[in-house]
Amino acid sequence: MVSTPCNYVQFVFTPPIVIFLVFLLQLMPIKGEEIKKAEFNFVAAGDWGCGHEAIHTFSMMKSMEPELYLGLGDYSYQNSIDCWVDIVKSAGNAFKISLGNHDTEGKLLRAYMDEFKLDKQYYSFNYRNAHFVALSTELNKDEVKQQLQFVRNDLLRAKANQNID
């Protein structure tokens, strides 16, 4: 595995406290290959709510022209996911989520999982030569054990994947 320096980080705070992180990663190949830069950027935000603040949050995210959007949980704070999904839907498949404690109540959990085509509250994905893992804090004891085993196996696979730095 290669350590990848972070070239750029920007923090933007808007009420309620929402943090955007924009990373331009400088990724370098290993095993003596010619050094080439492969850059990509992504944004991440959590604790959204619905309304003008969420609209402003997503607008600022879009203005950074990310290739990937990461949702950090606690999205709509309502009985439905519709208002939040309407705000972020223009990101399409470039939007990946992790679920917060307010996203797993009642019918919300199933709605988020269906909308983002998840079969579990935890998952992983690769983007270019980076590996991402989304975990859940809202699992019962048996599910926590399954999630831990998933993480162990997943990180071993990612480590062995020559396409992942």
Protein backbone atom coordinates (compact mmCIF):
# COMPACT_ATOMS: atom_id res chain seq x y z
CA MET A 1 0.00 0.00 0.00
CA VAL A 2 1.24 3.48 -0.81
CA SER A 3 0.67 6.42 1.47
CA THR A 4 -1.16 9.10 -0.51
CA PRO A 5 -0.58 12.72 0.44
CA CYS A 6 -3.55 15.01 0.54
CA ASN A 7 -2.90 18.05 -1.63
CA TYR A 8 -5.94 20.11 -0.72
CA VAL A 9 -8.49 20.17 2.05
CA GLN A 10 -11.22 22.78 2.38
CA PHE A 11 -13.58 23.08 5.33
CA VAL A 12 -16.78 25.02 4.84
CA PHE A 13 -19.15 25.41 7.77
CA THR A 14 -22.82 26.18 7.26
CA PRO A 15 -25.62 25.87 9.80
CA PRO A 16 -26.26 23.26 11.12
CA ILE A 17 -22.61 22.38 11.36
CA VAL A 18 -21.86 20.67 8.07
CA ILE A 19 -18.36 19.91 7.00
CA PHE A 20 -17.30 19.59 3.41
CA LEU A 21 -14.09 17.90 2.72
CA VAL A 22 -12.57 18.19 -0.69
CA PHE A 23 -9.54 16.09 -1.27
CA LEU A 24 -7.31 16.10 -4.27
CA LEU A 25 -5.35 12.95 -3.80
CA GLN A 26 -2.00 12.50 -5.39
CA LEU A 27 -1.85 8.80 -6.07
CA MET A 28 1.39 7.24 -7.22
CA PRO A 29 1.89 3.80 -8.71
CA ILE A 30 4.07 1.26 -6.96
CA LYS A 31 6.58 -1.42 -7.98
CA GLY A 32 8.99 0.86 -9.83
CA GLU A 33 6.47 2.04 -12.40
CA GLU A 34 6.93 5.45 -13.93
CA ILE A 35 5.49 7.98 -11.49
CA LYS A 36 2.23 9.42 -12.79
CA LYS A 37 -0.31 11.54 -10.98
CA ALA A 38 -3.89 10.31 -10.88
CA GLU A 39 -6.06 12.91 -9.22
CA PHE A 40 -9.70 12.84 -8.24
CA ASN A 41 -11.79 14.82 -5.85
CA PHE A 42 -14.73 14.04 -3.63
CA VAL A 43 -16.91 15.90 -1.18
CA ALA A 44 -18.50 14.67 2.03
CA ALA A 45 -21.24 16.11 4.23
CA GLY A 46 -23.49 14.92 7.02
CA ASP A 47 -26.17 16.15 9.40
CA TRP A 48 -28.18 17.67 6.56
CA GLY A 49 -31.81 18.23 7.42
CA CYS A 50 -34.17 19.45 4.71
CA GLY A 51 -34.79 22.95 3.56
CA HIS A 52 -32.67 25.92 2.55
CA GLU A 53 -29.60 24.81 4.53
CA ALA A 54 -29.53 21.41 2.83
CA ILE A 55 -30.06 23.06 -0.54
CA HIS A 56 -27.17 25.44 0.19
CA THR A 57 -24.99 22.56 1.37
CA PHE A 58 -25.55 20.56 -1.80
CA SER A 59 -25.14 23.63 -3.99
CA MET A 60 -21.74 24.30 -2.46
CA MET A 61 -20.78 20.66 -2.92
CA LYS A 62 -21.76 20.77 -6.60
CA SER A 63 -19.82 24.00 -7.12
CA MET A 64 -16.65 22.09 -6.23
CA GLU A 65 -17.30 19.79 -9.22
CA PRO A 66 -16.60 16.53 -7.40
CA GLU A 67 -16.43 13.17 -9.07
CA LEU A 68 -17.83 11.50 -5.96
CA TYR A 69 -20.25 12.62 -3.23
CA LEU A 70 -20.20 10.97 0.20
CA GLY A 71 -23.16 11.31 2.55
CA LEU A 72 -22.12 10.96 6.18
CA GLY A 73 -25.54 10.24 7.66
CA ASP A 74 -28.44 12.01 9.35
CA TYR A 75 -30.09 13.21 6.19
CA SER A 76 -33.70 14.41 6.27
CA TYR A 77 -34.78 14.39 9.95
CA GLN A 78 -38.30 13.84 8.63
CA ASN A 79 -40.67 10.87 8.34
CA SER A 80 -39.75 10.53 4.67
CA ILE A 81 -36.53 10.66 2.67
CA ASP A 82 -38.20 12.42 -0.25
CA CYS A 83 -37.21 16.03 0.44
CA TRP A 84 -33.53 15.13 0.92
CA VAL A 85 -33.42 12.81 -2.09
CA ASP A 86 -34.98 15.57 -4.22
CA ILE A 87 -32.13 17.89 -3.19
CA VAL A 88 -29.27 15.49 -4.03
CA LYS A 89 -30.75 13.47 -6.91
CA SER A 90 -28.82 15.38 -9.58
CA ALA A 91 -25.62 13.69 -8.31
CA GLY A 92 -27.02 10.35 -9.48
CA ASN A 93 -24.85 7.29 -8.96
CA ALA A 94 -21.93 9.49 -7.87
CA PHE A 95 -23.63 9.82 -4.44
CA LYS A 96 -22.73 7.14 -1.87
CA ILE A 97 -24.11 7.14 1.66
CA SER A 98 -23.46 5.83 5.11
CA LEU A 99 -26.42 5.72 7.46
CA GLY A 100 -26.62 7.78 10.63
CA ASN A 101 -28.65 7.02 13.73
CA HIS A 102 -31.53 9.22 12.50
CA ASP A 103 -31.67 7.31 9.20
CA THR A 104 -32.50 3.90 10.65
CA GLU A 105 -35.73 4.78 12.46
CA GLY A 106 -38.99 3.20 11.29
CA LYS A 107 -39.48 3.02 7.55
CA LEU A 108 -36.56 5.35 6.81
CA LEU A 109 -33.96 2.58 6.84
CA ARG A 110 -35.71 0.58 4.10
CA ALA A 111 -36.33 3.75 2.08
CA TYR A 112 -32.64 4.77 2.10
CA MET A 113 -31.49 1.24 1.38
CA ASP A 114 -33.89 0.95 -1.55
CA GLU A 115 -33.03 4.40 -2.93
CA PHE A 116 -29.28 3.70 -2.83
CA LYS A 117 -29.61 0.00 -3.74
CA LEU A 118 -28.03 -1.31 -0.53
CA ASP A 119 -28.64 -4.81 0.83
CA LYS A 120 -26.84 -4.11 4.12
CA GLN A 121 -26.17 -1.01 6.22
CA TYR A 122 -22.45 -1.48 5.57
CA TYR A 123 -20.65 -1.93 2.27
CA SER A 124 -17.55 -0.97 0.35
CA PHE A 125 -16.70 0.23 -3.11
CA ASN A 126 -13.69 1.18 -5.18
CA TYR A 127 -13.33 4.47 -6.96
CA ARG A 128 -10.40 4.61 -9.31
CA ASN A 129 -7.51 3.34 -7.18
CA ALA A 130 -9.05 4.14 -3.78
CA HIS A 131 -11.14 1.85 -1.58
CA PHE A 132 -13.99 3.19 0.56
CA VAL A 133 -15.84 1.42 3.39
CA ALA A 134 -19.18 2.60 4.81
CA LEU A 135 -20.02 1.26 8.27
CA SER A 136 -23.08 1.42 10.50
CA THR A 137 -23.30 2.20 14.21
CA GLU A 138 -26.96 1.14 14.36
CA LEU A 139 -26.73 -2.65 14.29
CA ASN A 140 -27.76 -5.34 16.74
CA LYS A 141 -25.14 -7.58 18.36
CA ASP A 142 -25.23 -10.27 15.66
CA GLU A 143 -25.10 -7.71 12.86
CA VAL A 144 -22.09 -6.02 14.50
CA LYS A 145 -20.24 -9.35 14.38
CA GLN A 146 -21.16 -9.76 10.70
CA GLN A 147 -20.03 -6.21 9.95
CA LEU A 148 -16.69 -6.79 11.69
CA GLN A 149 -16.10 -9.97 9.68
CA PHE A 150 -17.07 -8.11 6.51
CA VAL A 151 -14.52 -5.37 7.27
CA ARG A 152 -11.74 -7.88 7.96
CA ASN A 153 -12.36 -9.77 4.71
CA ASP A 154 -12.98 -6.63 2.68
CA LEU A 155 -9.76 -4.92 3.77
CA LEU A 156 -7.76 -8.07 3.03
CA ARG A 157 -9.24 -8.14 -0.49
CA ALA A 158 -8.53 -4.43 -0.96
CA LYS A 159 -4.95 -4.87 0.22
CA ALA A 160 -4.44 -7.69 -2.28
CA ASN A 161 -5.99 -5.72 -5.15
CA GLN A 162 -3.17 -4.31 -7.27
CA ASN A 163 -5.51 -1.62 -8.59
CA ILE A 164 -5.94 -0.12 -5.11
CA ASP A 165 -3.24 2.14 -3.71
